[in-house]
């Protein structure tokens, strides 16, 4: 079987796509939800089967940007929508 020009083009596209996936996959940069007394109830709720969307609104009691300030590069809360803390901050299972 002889490779034609279009076969090499296809192989090159596959290599580029795989290369991009490898380049963009790296170490996760967001912090995990701490495993401490303040956050234990969230860990317990997730282990008990609650969804992240059910647990997320409870984060805002402390993490409202005032009581506990967000870092300067933290994304802003979407207008009129609840925070989605557990979308980025993972709970270690």
PDB file of N, CA and C in Angstrom:
ATOM      1  N   UNK A   1       0.840  -1.179   0.000  1.00  0.00           N
ATOM      2  CA  UNK A   1       0.000   0.000   0.000  1.00  0.00           C
ATOM      3  C   UNK A   1       0.884   1.240   0.000  1.00  0.00           C
ATOM      4  N   UNK A   2       0.639   2.080  -0.948  1.00  0.00           N
ATOM      5  CA  UNK A   2       1.434   3.292  -1.096  1.00  0.00           C
ATOM      6  C   UNK A   2       0.632   4.493  -0.584  1.00  0.00           C
ATOM      7  N   UNK A   3       1.291   5.317   0.258  1.00  0.00           N
ATOM      8  CA  UNK A   3       0.632   6.506   0.768  1.00  0.00           C
ATOM      9  C   UNK A   3       0.600   7.567  -0.319  1.00  0.00           C
ATOM     10  N   UNK A   4      -0.584   8.138  -0.500  1.00  0.00           N
ATOM     11  CA  UNK A   4      -0.724   9.226  -1.456  1.00  0.00           C
ATOM     12  C   UNK A   4      -0.641  10.555  -0.710  1.00  0.00           C
ATOM     13  N   UNK A   5      -0.625  11.623  -1.461  1.00  0.00           N
ATOM     14  CA  UNK A   5      -0.494  12.954  -0.885  1.00  0.00           C
ATOM     15  C   UNK A   5      -1.639  13.237   0.104  1.00  0.00           C
ATOM     16  N   UNK A   6      -2.848  12.850  -0.226  1.00  0.00           N
ATOM     17  CA  UNK A   6      -3.990  13.113   0.652  1.00  0.00           C
ATOM     18  C   UNK A   6      -3.890  12.307   1.948  1.00  0.00           C
ATOM     19  N   UNK A   7      -3.262  11.131   1.899  1.00  0.00           N
ATOM     20  CA  UNK A   7      -3.068  10.333   3.115  1.00  0.00           C
ATOM     21  C   UNK A   7      -2.127  11.045   4.074  1.00  0.00           C
ATOM     22  N   UNK A   8      -1.040  11.609   3.555  1.00  0.00           N
ATOM     23  CA  UNK A   8      -0.104  12.345   4.391  1.00  0.00           C
ATOM     24  C   UNK A   8      -0.749  13.600   4.972  1.00  0.00           C
ATOM     25  N   UNK A   9      -1.617  14.228   4.197  1.00  0.00           N
ATOM     26  CA  UNK A   9      -2.340  15.398   4.664  1.00  0.00           C
ATOM     27  C   UNK A   9      -3.242  15.016   5.845  1.00  0.00           C
ATOM     28  N   UNK A  10      -3.920  13.892   5.738  1.00  0.00           N
ATOM     29  CA  UNK A  10      -4.780  13.407   6.816  1.00  0.00           C
ATOM     30  C   UNK A  10      -3.963  13.091   8.072  1.00  0.00           C
ATOM     31  N   UNK A  11      -2.832  12.442   7.910  1.00  0.00           N
ATOM     32  CA  UNK A  11      -1.957  12.125   9.045  1.00  0.00           C
ATOM     33  C   UNK A  11      -1.470  13.412   9.702  1.00  0.00           C
ATOM     34  N   UNK A  12      -1.123  14.415   8.896  1.00  0.00           N
ATOM     35  CA  UNK A  12      -0.657  15.695   9.444  1.00  0.00           C
ATOM     36  C   UNK A  12      -1.754  16.372  10.261  1.00  0.00           C
ATOM     37  N   UNK A  13      -2.985  16.322   9.786  1.00  0.00           N
ATOM     38  CA  UNK A  13      -4.103  16.924  10.521  1.00  0.00           C
ATOM     39  C   UNK A  13      -4.301  16.212  11.858  1.00  0.00           C
ATOM     40  N   UNK A  14      -4.231  14.899  11.861  1.00  0.00           N
ATOM     41  CA  UNK A  14      -4.378  14.125  13.092  1.00  0.00           C
ATOM     42  C   UNK A  14      -3.268  14.486  14.085  1.00  0.00           C
ATOM     43  N   UNK A  15      -2.049  14.607  13.612  1.00  0.00           N
ATOM     44  CA  UNK A  15      -0.913  14.959  14.480  1.00  0.00           C
ATOM     45  C   UNK A  15      -1.117  16.353  15.072  1.00  0.00           C
ATOM     46  N   UNK A  16      -1.564  17.303  14.267  1.00  0.00           N
ATOM     47  CA  UNK A  16      -1.803  18.672  14.754  1.00  0.00           C
ATOM     48  C   UNK A  16      -2.906  18.675  15.821  1.00  0.00           C
ATOM     49  N   UNK A  17      -4.000  17.982  15.565  1.00  0.00           N
ATOM     50  CA  UNK A  17      -5.107  17.932  16.527  1.00  0.00           C
ATOM     51  C   UNK A  17      -4.648  17.295  17.839  1.00  0.00           C
ATOM     52  N   UNK A  18      -3.944  16.190  17.766  1.00  0.00           N
ATOM     53  CA  UNK A  18      -3.430  15.545  18.975  1.00  0.00           C
ATOM     54  C   UNK A  18      -2.443  16.450  19.711  1.00  0.00           C
ATOM     55  N   UNK A  19      -1.612  17.145  18.955  1.00  0.00           N
ATOM     56  CA  UNK A  19      -0.652  18.073  19.558  1.00  0.00           C
ATOM     57  C   UNK A  19      -1.352  19.188  20.310  1.00  0.00           C
ATOM     58  N   UNK A  20      -2.416  19.723  19.733  1.00  0.00           N
ATOM     59  CA  UNK A  20      -3.178  20.786  20.403  1.00  0.00           C
ATOM     60  C   UNK A  20      -3.791  20.253  21.692  1.00  0.00           C
ATOM     61  N   UNK A  21      -4.374  19.065  21.656  1.00  0.00           N
ATOM     62  CA  UNK A  21      -4.950  18.481  22.872  1.00  0.00           C
ATOM     63  C   UNK A  21      -3.899  18.293  23.953  1.00  0.00           C
ATOM     64  N   UNK A  22      -2.736  17.864  23.578  1.00  0.00           N
ATOM     65  CA  UNK A  22      -1.658  17.656  24.553  1.00  0.00           C
ATOM     66  C   UNK A  22      -1.199  18.996  25.125  1.00  0.00           C
ATOM     67  N   UNK A  23      -1.103  20.018  24.284  1.00  0.00           N
ATOM     68  CA  UNK A  23      -0.658  21.336  24.749  1.00  0.00           C
ATOM     69  C   UNK A  23      -1.646  21.985  25.710  1.00  0.00           C
ATOM     70  N   UNK A  24      -2.947  21.843  25.438  1.00  0.00           N
ATOM     71  CA  UNK A  24      -3.927  22.512  26.290  1.00  0.00           C
ATOM     72  C   UNK A  24      -4.274  21.712  27.539  1.00  0.00           C
ATOM     73  N   UNK A  25      -3.902  20.449  27.566  1.00  0.00           N
ATOM     74  CA  UNK A  25      -4.168  19.670  28.777  1.00  0.00           C
ATOM     75  C   UNK A  25      -2.952  19.781  29.670  1.00  0.00           C
ATOM     76  N   UNK A  26      -3.177  20.355  30.809  1.00  0.00           N
ATOM     77  CA  UNK A  26      -2.082  20.528  31.742  1.00  0.00           C
ATOM     78  C   UNK A  26      -2.587  20.350  33.153  1.00  0.00           C
ATOM     79  N   UNK A  27      -1.778  20.763  34.077  1.00  0.00           N
ATOM     80  CA  UNK A  27      -2.159  20.667  35.475  1.00  0.00           C
ATOM     81  C   UNK A  27      -3.332  21.607  35.732  1.00  0.00           C
ATOM     82  N   UNK A  28      -4.294  21.121  36.502  1.00  0.00           N
ATOM     83  CA  UNK A  28      -5.447  21.945  36.834  1.00  0.00           C
ATOM     84  C   UNK A  28      -4.994  23.107  37.712  1.00  0.00           C
ATOM     85  N   UNK A  29      -5.461  24.302  37.398  1.00  0.00           N
ATOM     86  CA  UNK A  29      -4.971  25.493  38.069  1.00  0.00           C
ATOM     87  C   UNK A  29      -5.879  25.962  39.200  1.00  0.00           C
ATOM     88  N   UNK A  30      -7.106  25.489  39.242  1.00  0.00           N
ATOM     89  CA  UNK A  30      -7.996  25.923  40.320  1.00  0.00           C
ATOM     90  C   UNK A  30      -7.747  25.108  41.574  1.00  0.00           C
ATOM     91  N   UNK A  31      -8.029  25.721  42.703  1.00  0.00           N
ATOM     92  CA  UNK A  31      -7.829  25.055  43.981  1.00  0.00           C
ATOM     93  C   UNK A  31      -8.954  24.061  44.246  1.00  0.00           C
ATOM     94  N   UNK A  32      -8.623  22.991  44.952  1.00  0.00           N
ATOM     95  CA  UNK A  32      -9.635  22.048  45.405  1.00  0.00           C
ATOM     96  C   UNK A  32     -10.380  22.665  46.587  1.00  0.00           C
ATOM     97  N   UNK A  33     -11.599  22.193  46.826  1.00  0.00           N
ATOM     98  CA  UNK A  33     -12.321  22.618  48.022  1.00  0.00           C
ATOM     99  C   UNK A  33     -11.560  22.044  49.210  1.00  0.00           C
ATOM    100  N   UNK A  34     -11.167  22.892  50.178  1.00  0.00           N
ATOM    101  CA  UNK A  34     -10.361  22.406  51.298  1.00  0.00           C
ATOM    102  C   UNK A  34     -11.055  21.305  52.097  1.00  0.00           C
ATOM    103  N   UNK A  35     -10.259  20.423  52.618  1.00  0.00           N
ATOM    104  CA  UNK A  35     -10.768  19.342  53.468  1.00  0.00           C
ATOM    105  C   UNK A  35     -10.584  19.789  54.918  1.00  0.00           C
ATOM    106  N   UNK A  36     -11.436  20.731  55.351  1.00  0.00           N
ATOM    107  CA  UNK A  36     -11.347  21.233  56.723  1.00  0.00           C
ATOM    108  C   UNK A  36     -12.747  21.296  57.329  1.00  0.00           C
ATOM    109  N   UNK A  37     -12.833  21.722  58.585  1.00  0.00           N
ATOM    110  CA  UNK A  37     -14.116  21.735  59.292  1.00  0.00           C
ATOM    111  C   UNK A  37     -15.132  22.669  58.629  1.00  0.00           C
ATOM    112  N   UNK A  38     -14.662  23.797  58.101  1.00  0.00           N
ATOM    113  CA  UNK A  38     -15.579  24.752  57.463  1.00  0.00           C
ATOM    114  C   UNK A  38     -16.224  24.185  56.203  1.00  0.00           C
ATOM    115  N   UNK A  39     -15.520  23.337  55.499  1.00  0.00           N
ATOM    116  CA  UNK A  39     -16.005  22.806  54.225  1.00  0.00           C
ATOM    117  C   UNK A  39     -16.487  21.359  54.313  1.00  0.00           C
ATOM    118  N   UNK A  40     -16.389  20.742  55.479  1.00  0.00           N
ATOM    119  CA  UNK A  40     -16.737  19.328  55.615  1.00  0.00           C
ATOM    120  C   UNK A  40     -18.188  19.058  55.227  1.00  0.00           C
ATOM    121  N   UNK A  41     -19.100  19.986  55.549  1.00  0.00           N
ATOM    122  CA  UNK A  41     -20.510  19.762  55.207  1.00  0.00           C
ATOM    123  C   UNK A  41     -20.710  19.648  53.696  1.00  0.00           C
ATOM    124  N   UNK A  42     -19.914  20.367  52.925  1.00  0.00           N
ATOM    125  CA  UNK A  42     -20.032  20.293  51.468  1.00  0.00           C
ATOM    126  C   UNK A  42     -19.545  18.939  50.956  1.00  0.00           C
ATOM    127  N   UNK A  43     -18.447  18.474  51.529  1.00  0.00           N
ATOM    128  CA  UNK A  43     -17.938  17.148  51.165  1.00  0.00           C
ATOM    129  C   UNK A  43     -18.976  16.078  51.505  1.00  0.00           C
ATOM    130  N   UNK A  44     -19.570  16.203  52.688  1.00  0.00           N
ATOM    131  CA  UNK A  44     -20.569  15.214  53.121  1.00  0.00           C
ATOM    132  C   UNK A  44     -21.804  15.238  52.229  1.00  0.00           C
ATOM    133  N   UNK A  45     -22.238  16.431  51.832  1.00  0.00           N
ATOM    134  CA  UNK A  45     -23.424  16.549  50.972  1.00  0.00           C
ATOM    135  C   UNK A  45     -23.184  15.908  49.609  1.00  0.00           C
ATOM    136  N   UNK A  46     -22.011  16.132  49.047  1.00  0.00           N
ATOM    137  CA  UNK A  46     -21.690  15.539  47.752  1.00  0.00           C
ATOM    138  C   UNK A  46     -21.614  14.016  47.872  1.00  0.00           C
ATOM    139  N   UNK A  47     -20.978  13.529  48.945  1.00  0.00           N
ATOM    140  CA  UNK A  47     -20.887  12.076  49.145  1.00  0.00           C
ATOM    141  C   UNK A  47     -22.258  11.457  49.371  1.00  0.00           C
ATOM    142  N   UNK A  48     -23.198  12.242  49.934  1.00  0.00           N
ATOM    143  CA  UNK A  48     -24.549  11.747  50.199  1.00  0.00           C
ATOM    144  C   UNK A  48     -25.417  11.743  48.947  1.00  0.00           C
ATOM    145  N   UNK A  49     -24.881  12.265  47.825  1.00  0.00           N
ATOM    146  CA  UNK A  49     -25.616  12.202  46.570  1.00  0.00           C
ATOM    147  C   UNK A  49     -26.209  13.508  46.093  1.00  0.00           C
ATOM    148  N   UNK A  50     -25.985  14.588  46.814  1.00  0.00           N
ATOM    149  CA  UNK A  50     -26.473  15.887  46.344  1.00  0.00           C
ATOM    150  C   UNK A  50     -25.672  16.296  45.114  1.00  0.00           C
ATOM    151  N   UNK A  51     -26.319  17.037  44.236  1.00  0.00           N
ATOM    152  CA  UNK A  51     -25.624  17.501  43.031  1.00  0.00           C
ATOM    153  C   UNK A  51     -24.853  18.772  43.343  1.00  0.00           C
ATOM    154  N   UNK A  52     -23.898  19.088  42.494  1.00  0.00           N
ATOM    155  CA  UNK A  52     -23.105  20.305  42.668  1.00  0.00           C
ATOM    156  C   UNK A  52     -23.997  21.539  42.595  1.00  0.00           C
ATOM    157  N   UNK A  53     -25.020  21.501  41.734  1.00  0.00           N
ATOM    158  CA  UNK A  53     -25.926  22.641  41.613  1.00  0.00           C
ATOM    159  C   UNK A  53     -26.727  22.855  42.889  1.00  0.00           C
ATOM    160  N   UNK A  54     -26.993  21.790  43.639  1.00  0.00           N
ATOM    161  CA  UNK A  54     -27.708  21.926  44.906  1.00  0.00           C
ATOM    162  C   UNK A  54     -26.792  22.487  45.997  1.00  0.00           C
ATOM    163  N   UNK A  55     -25.522  22.166  45.934  1.00  0.00           N
ATOM    164  CA  UNK A  55     -24.571  22.572  46.964  1.00  0.00           C
ATOM    165  C   UNK A  55     -24.005  23.965  46.690  1.00  0.00           C
ATOM    166  N   UNK A  56     -23.857  24.334  45.433  1.00  0.00           N
ATOM    167  CA  UNK A  56     -23.248  25.619  45.047  1.00  0.00           C
ATOM    168  C   UNK A  56     -23.818  26.846  45.764  1.00  0.00           C
ATOM    169  N   UNK A  57     -25.140  27.015  45.860  1.00  0.00           N
ATOM    170  CA  UNK A  57     -25.659  28.234  46.494  1.00  0.00           C
ATOM    171  C   UNK A  57     -25.214  28.411  47.947  1.00  0.00           C
ATOM    172  N   UNK A  58     -24.868  27.333  48.614  1.00  0.00           N
ATOM    173  CA  UNK A  58     -24.460  27.420  50.014  1.00  0.00           C
ATOM    174  C   UNK A  58     -23.073  28.041  50.173  1.00  0.00           C
ATOM    175  N   UNK A  59     -22.272  28.030  49.133  1.00  0.00           N
ATOM    176  CA  UNK A  59     -20.925  28.609  49.193  1.00  0.00           C
ATOM    177  C   UNK A  59     -20.986  30.113  49.416  1.00  0.00           C
ATOM    178  N   UNK A  60     -22.026  30.729  48.874  1.00  0.00           N
ATOM    179  CA  UNK A  60     -22.120  32.182  48.882  1.00  0.00           C
ATOM    180  C   UNK A  60     -22.313  32.771  50.280  1.00  0.00           C
ATOM    181  N   UNK A  61     -22.675  31.941  51.266  1.00  0.00           N
ATOM    182  CA  UNK A  61     -22.817  32.443  52.635  1.00  0.00           C
ATOM    183  C   UNK A  61     -21.497  33.034  53.129  1.00  0.00           C
ATOM    184  N   UNK A  62     -20.391  32.433  52.759  1.00  0.00           N
ATOM    185  CA  UNK A  62     -19.068  32.949  53.156  1.00  0.00           C
ATOM    186  C   UNK A  62     -18.326  33.580  51.982  1.00  0.00           C
ATOM    187  N   UNK A  63     -18.396  32.934  50.843  1.00  0.00           N
ATOM    188  CA  UNK A  63     -17.635  33.377  49.669  1.00  0.00           C
ATOM    189  C   UNK A  63     -18.491  34.322  48.825  1.00  0.00           C
ATOM    190  N   UNK A  64     -18.708  35.514  49.366  1.00  0.00           N
ATOM    191  CA  UNK A  64     -19.525  36.497  48.651  1.00  0.00           C
ATOM    192  C   UNK A  64     -18.681  37.628  48.071  1.00  0.00           C
ATOM    193  N   UNK A  65     -17.373  37.528  48.209  1.00  0.00           N
ATOM    194  CA  UNK A  65     -16.491  38.570  47.710  1.00  0.00           C
ATOM    195  C   UNK A  65     -16.245  39.661  48.735  1.00  0.00           C
ATOM    196  N   UNK A  66     -17.019  39.662  49.834  1.00  0.00           N
ATOM    197  CA  UNK A  66     -16.841  40.657  50.886  1.00  0.00           C
ATOM    198  C   UNK A  66     -16.261  39.983  52.129  1.00  0.00           C
ATOM    199  N   UNK A  67     -16.994  38.990  52.655  1.00  0.00           N
ATOM    200  CA  UNK A  67     -16.508  38.269  53.846  1.00  0.00           C
ATOM    201  C   UNK A  67     -15.182  37.586  53.543  1.00  0.00           C
ATOM    202  N   UNK A  68     -15.129  36.910  52.426  1.00  0.00           N
ATOM    203  CA  UNK A  68     -13.893  36.302  51.939  1.00  0.00           C
ATOM    204  C   UNK A  68     -13.670  36.865  50.540  1.00  0.00           C
ATOM    205  N   UNK A  69     -12.657  37.687  50.396  1.00  0.00           N
ATOM    206  CA  UNK A  69     -12.395  38.351  49.116  1.00  0.00           C
ATOM    207  C   UNK A  69     -11.896  37.355  48.078  1.00  0.00           C
ATOM    208  N   UNK A  70     -12.301  37.570  46.842  1.00  0.00           N
ATOM    209  CA  UNK A  70     -11.838  36.744  45.733  1.00  0.00           C
ATOM    210  C   UNK A  70     -10.506  37.286  45.225  1.00  0.00           C
ATOM    211  N   UNK A  71      -9.675  36.424  44.644  1.00  0.00           N
ATOM    212  CA  UNK A  71      -8.455  36.935  44.010  1.00  0.00           C
ATOM    213  C   UNK A  71      -8.804  37.889  42.873  1.00  0.00           C
ATOM    214  N   UNK A  72      -7.879  38.758  42.521  1.00  0.00           N
ATOM    215  CA  UNK A  72      -8.160  39.783  41.503  1.00  0.00           C
ATOM    216  C   UNK A  72      -8.529  39.195  40.142  1.00  0.00           C
ATOM    217  N   UNK A  73      -8.050  37.998  39.825  1.00  0.00           N
ATOM    218  CA  UNK A  73      -8.348  37.408  38.516  1.00  0.00           C
ATOM    219  C   UNK A  73      -9.516  36.418  38.563  1.00  0.00           C
ATOM    220  N   UNK A  74     -10.258  36.395  39.680  1.00  0.00           N
ATOM    221  CA  UNK A  74     -11.405  35.496  39.815  1.00  0.00           C
ATOM    222  C   UNK A  74     -12.536  35.996  38.920  1.00  0.00           C
ATOM    223  N   UNK A  75     -13.211  35.109  38.182  1.00  0.00           N
ATOM    224  CA  UNK A  75     -14.298  35.563  37.306  1.00  0.00           C
ATOM    225  C   UNK A  75     -15.453  36.154  38.117  1.00  0.00           C
ATOM    226  N   UNK A  76     -16.107  37.139  37.528  1.00  0.00           N
ATOM    227  CA  UNK A  76     -17.230  37.795  38.184  1.00  0.00           C
ATOM    228  C   UNK A  76     -18.459  36.894  38.166  1.00  0.00           C
ATOM    229  N   UNK A  77     -19.347  37.129  39.118  1.00  0.00           N
ATOM    230  CA  UNK A  77     -20.599  36.384  39.178  1.00  0.00           C
ATOM    231  C   UNK A  77     -21.441  36.772  37.965  1.00  0.00           C
ATOM    232  N   UNK A  78     -21.981  35.767  37.250  1.00  0.00           N
ATOM    233  CA  UNK A  78     -22.823  36.092  36.098  1.00  0.00           C
ATOM    234  C   UNK A  78     -24.065  36.857  36.551  1.00  0.00           C
ATOM    235  N   UNK A  79     -24.433  37.895  35.854  1.00  0.00           N
ATOM    236  CA  UNK A  79     -25.565  38.733  36.236  1.00  0.00           C
ATOM    237  C   UNK A  79     -26.845  37.953  36.469  1.00  0.00           C
ATOM    238  N   UNK A  80     -27.369  38.037  37.681  1.00  0.00           N
ATOM    239  CA  UNK A  80     -28.636  37.395  38.017  1.00  0.00           C
ATOM    240  C   UNK A  80     -28.575  35.887  38.198  1.00  0.00           C
ATOM    241  N   UNK A  81     -27.422  35.297  38.031  1.00  0.00           N
ATOM    242  CA  UNK A  81     -27.284  33.848  38.154  1.00  0.00           C
ATOM    243  C   UNK A  81     -26.492  33.519  39.415  1.00  0.00           C
ATOM    244  N   UNK A  82     -26.762  32.346  39.984  1.00  0.00           N
ATOM    245  CA  UNK A  82     -25.987  31.961  41.171  1.00  0.00           C
ATOM    246  C   UNK A  82     -24.546  31.626  40.800  1.00  0.00           C
ATOM    247  N   UNK A  83     -23.680  31.717  41.788  1.00  0.00           N
ATOM    248  CA  UNK A  83     -22.282  31.331  41.576  1.00  0.00           C
ATOM    249  C   UNK A  83     -22.218  29.850  41.264  1.00  0.00           C
ATOM    250  N   UNK A  84     -21.247  29.459  40.463  1.00  0.00           N
ATOM    251  CA  UNK A  84     -21.029  28.046  40.131  1.00  0.00           C
ATOM    252  C   UNK A  84     -19.649  27.651  40.630  1.00  0.00           C
ATOM    253  N   UNK A  85     -19.458  27.727  41.952  1.00  0.00           N
ATOM    254  CA  UNK A  85     -18.159  27.461  42.570  1.00  0.00           C
ATOM    255  C   UNK A  85     -17.634  26.075  42.218  1.00  0.00           C
ATOM    256  N   UNK A  86     -18.511  25.075  42.333  1.00  0.00           N
ATOM    257  CA  UNK A  86     -18.067  23.689  42.149  1.00  0.00           C
ATOM    258  C   UNK A  86     -17.918  23.307  40.682  1.00  0.00           C
ATOM    259  N   UNK A  87     -18.168  24.253  39.793  1.00  0.00           N
ATOM    260  CA  UNK A  87     -17.889  24.006  38.381  1.00  0.00           C
ATOM    261  C   UNK A  87     -16.384  23.993  38.158  1.00  0.00           C
ATOM    262  N   UNK A  88     -15.665  24.863  38.865  1.00  0.00           N
ATOM    263  CA  UNK A  88     -14.213  24.932  38.737  1.00  0.00           C
ATOM    264  C   UNK A  88     -13.498  24.279  39.913  1.00  0.00           C
ATOM    265  N   UNK A  89     -13.976  24.543  41.122  1.00  0.00           N
ATOM    266  CA  UNK A  89     -13.331  24.023  42.329  1.00  0.00           C
ATOM    267  C   UNK A  89     -13.867  22.631  42.628  1.00  0.00           C
ATOM    268  N   UNK A  90     -13.008  21.649  42.482  1.00  0.00           N
ATOM    269  CA  UNK A  90     -13.417  20.252  42.600  1.00  0.00           C
ATOM    270  C   UNK A  90     -13.369  19.779  44.043  1.00  0.00           C
ATOM    271  N   UNK A  91     -14.246  18.833  44.342  1.00  0.00           N
ATOM    272  CA  UNK A  91     -14.236  18.164  45.633  1.00  0.00           C
ATOM    273  C   UNK A  91     -13.543  16.828  45.444  1.00  0.00           C
ATOM    274  N   UNK A  92     -12.500  16.619  46.204  1.00  0.00           N
ATOM    275  CA  UNK A  92     -11.745  15.379  46.102  1.00  0.00           C
ATOM    276  C   UNK A  92     -12.590  14.228  46.623  1.00  0.00           C
ATOM    277  N   UNK A  93     -12.762  13.203  45.820  1.00  0.00           N
ATOM    278  CA  UNK A  93     -13.617  12.072  46.214  1.00  0.00           C
ATOM    279  C   UNK A  93     -12.803  10.922  46.693  1.00  0.00           C
TER     280      UNK A  93
END
